[in-house]
Amino acid sequence: GGILGCLLLKGLADNVLSDTLWAKAVLLTSPAVATVGLSLTVPIAIASELVLPRGWLVDPSPPTPLRLAGALLVVAGFVGISLAPDPPPSRTHEAEPSHCAAGNAATPLETDTAPPSPERSRT
C-alpha cells in the first residue's frame, strides 16, 4: 500500500500540478510565454549545480562554458518573448460576427435587416 500511495502522490505532483500551473500561466500571460517558460528548467538546473553541495549531485562536474552560454540564451529568449509587445488585433476578426455557438447560421439580426426578396415585393 505504501508504494502505491507514493506512486499516486508522485503522479499527482508531477502531472496534475504541473499541468494546472502551466494552464494558469497560459491564462495569465500567453501560450507562447508559458511554453517558453517551461524551458527555464535548464538554466535553473545549471544554477542549482552551482549552488548545491557537490555531494548532493549525481555528476559533480562544473558546467562547461558552452552550457552556461546556452542557459543564458534560454533566459534571454524568455525575457525577450515576455517583453515583446502584443500584436495588434486582426481587423478581420473585428468585422466578422461570432459564429461559435450557431455554426455559420445567420444571426437573428442579420435575417431581420435583410432586404426583401424581389418576389415578395411584387405581391
Protein backbone atom coordinates (compact mmCIF):
# COMPACT_ATOMS: atom_id res chain seq x y z
CA GLY A 1 0.00 0.00 0.00
CA GLY A 2 2.85 2.42 0.72
CA ILE A 3 4.42 2.12 -2.71
CA LEU A 4 1.10 2.62 -4.49
CA GLY A 5 0.42 5.71 -2.38
CA CYS A 6 3.85 7.13 -3.21
CA LEU A 7 3.26 6.48 -6.93
CA LEU A 8 -0.13 8.21 -6.81
CA LEU A 9 1.30 11.17 -4.91
CA LYS A 10 4.19 11.49 -7.35
CA GLY A 11 1.83 11.25 -10.33
CA LEU A 12 -0.42 13.96 -8.92
CA ALA A 13 2.51 16.22 -8.07
CA ASP A 14 4.33 15.69 -11.37
CA ASN A 15 1.48 15.71 -13.85
CA VAL A 16 -1.65 17.29 -12.41
CA LEU A 17 0.07 20.09 -10.50
CA SER A 18 2.48 20.98 -13.31
CA ASP A 19 -0.29 20.96 -15.95
CA THR A 20 -2.52 23.08 -13.72
CA LEU A 21 0.22 25.61 -13.11
CA TRP A 22 1.06 25.71 -16.84
CA ALA A 23 -2.61 26.30 -17.72
CA LYS A 24 -2.75 29.12 -15.15
CA ALA A 25 0.40 30.61 -16.71
CA VAL A 26 -1.25 30.48 -20.14
CA LEU A 27 -4.24 32.40 -18.76
CA LEU A 28 -2.04 34.98 -17.05
CA THR A 29 0.38 35.51 -19.95
CA SER A 30 0.08 33.83 -23.34
CA PRO A 31 0.61 30.30 -24.68
CA ALA A 32 3.96 31.31 -26.19
CA VAL A 33 5.33 32.85 -22.98
CA ALA A 34 4.11 29.93 -20.85
CA THR A 35 5.64 27.35 -23.19
CA VAL A 36 8.97 29.14 -23.47
CA GLY A 37 8.89 29.48 -19.70
CA LEU A 38 8.99 25.70 -19.44
CA SER A 39 12.46 25.78 -20.97
CA LEU A 40 13.69 27.73 -17.95
CA THR A 41 14.16 24.38 -16.21
CA VAL A 42 17.54 24.11 -17.97
CA PRO A 43 19.06 27.33 -16.57
CA ILE A 44 17.53 26.57 -13.17
CA ALA A 45 19.18 23.14 -13.18
CA ILE A 46 22.54 24.69 -14.06
CA ALA A 47 22.12 27.29 -11.31
CA SER A 48 21.33 24.52 -8.83
CA GLU A 49 24.54 22.73 -9.85
CA LEU A 50 26.46 25.88 -8.93
CA VAL A 51 24.71 26.37 -5.59
CA LEU A 52 24.17 22.88 -4.17
CA PRO A 53 26.94 20.97 -2.37
CA ARG A 54 28.88 18.65 -4.70
CA GLY A 55 27.97 15.62 -2.57
CA TRP A 56 24.30 16.03 -3.45
CA LEU A 57 24.86 15.93 -7.21
CA VAL A 58 24.89 12.84 -9.41
CA ASP A 59 27.50 14.39 -11.71
CA PRO A 60 29.51 16.88 -9.65
CA SER A 61 31.50 18.25 -12.62
CA PRO A 62 31.07 22.01 -13.07
CA PRO A 63 29.03 23.27 -16.04
CA THR A 64 31.04 23.95 -19.18
CA PRO A 65 31.20 27.45 -20.68
CA LEU A 66 29.08 26.21 -23.59
CA ARG A 67 26.31 25.02 -21.21
CA LEU A 68 26.45 28.34 -19.35
CA ALA A 69 26.17 30.25 -22.65
CA GLY A 70 23.22 28.07 -23.68
CA ALA A 71 21.49 28.73 -20.36
CA LEU A 72 22.00 32.48 -20.80
CA LEU A 73 20.50 32.29 -24.29
CA VAL A 74 17.43 30.46 -22.94
CA VAL A 75 16.95 33.13 -20.27
CA ALA A 76 17.45 35.89 -22.87
CA GLY A 77 14.84 34.27 -25.12
CA PHE A 78 12.36 34.09 -22.27
CA VAL A 79 12.95 37.72 -21.33
CA GLY A 80 12.63 38.74 -24.98
CA ILE A 81 9.33 36.96 -25.57
CA SER A 82 7.97 38.18 -22.23
CA LEU A 83 8.71 41.83 -23.03
CA ALA A 84 7.59 41.68 -26.68
CA PRO A 85 4.51 43.80 -27.34
CA ASP A 86 1.28 42.01 -28.17
CA PRO A 87 0.42 42.07 -31.86
CA PRO A 88 -2.47 44.35 -32.81
CA PRO A 89 -5.82 42.59 -33.20
CA SER A 90 -6.64 41.43 -36.69
CA ARG A 91 -9.18 43.62 -38.49
CA THR A 92 -10.95 40.59 -39.96
CA HIS A 93 -11.95 39.36 -36.51
CA GLU A 94 -13.45 42.71 -35.54
CA ALA A 95 -15.76 42.93 -38.58
CA GLU A 96 -17.00 39.34 -38.55
CA PRO A 97 -19.80 38.26 -36.21
CA SER A 98 -19.08 35.41 -33.87
CA HIS A 99 -20.42 32.08 -35.08
CA CYS A 100 -19.16 29.93 -32.22
CA ALA A 101 -22.48 28.57 -30.99
CA ALA A 102 -24.55 28.60 -34.17
CA GLY A 103 -22.01 27.49 -36.73
CA ASN A 104 -22.35 29.53 -39.93
CA ALA A 105 -26.07 30.20 -39.46
CA ALA A 106 -27.22 33.78 -39.75
CA THR A 107 -27.93 35.62 -36.55
CA PRO A 108 -31.47 36.93 -35.95
CA LEU A 109 -30.23 40.46 -36.51
CA GLU A 110 -28.90 39.53 -39.94
CA THR A 111 -32.20 37.94 -41.00
CA ASP A 112 -34.30 40.87 -39.71
CA THR A 113 -32.31 43.51 -41.57
CA ALA A 114 -32.03 41.63 -44.87
CA PRO A 115 -33.66 43.45 -47.80
CA PRO A 116 -36.92 41.93 -49.02
CA SER A 117 -36.63 39.47 -51.86
CA PRO A 118 -37.85 40.62 -55.32
CA GLU A 119 -40.64 38.00 -55.32
CA ARG A 120 -42.15 39.38 -52.10
CA SER A 121 -42.08 42.99 -53.22
CA ARG A 122 -44.19 42.25 -56.33
CA THR A 123 -47.13 40.77 -54.37
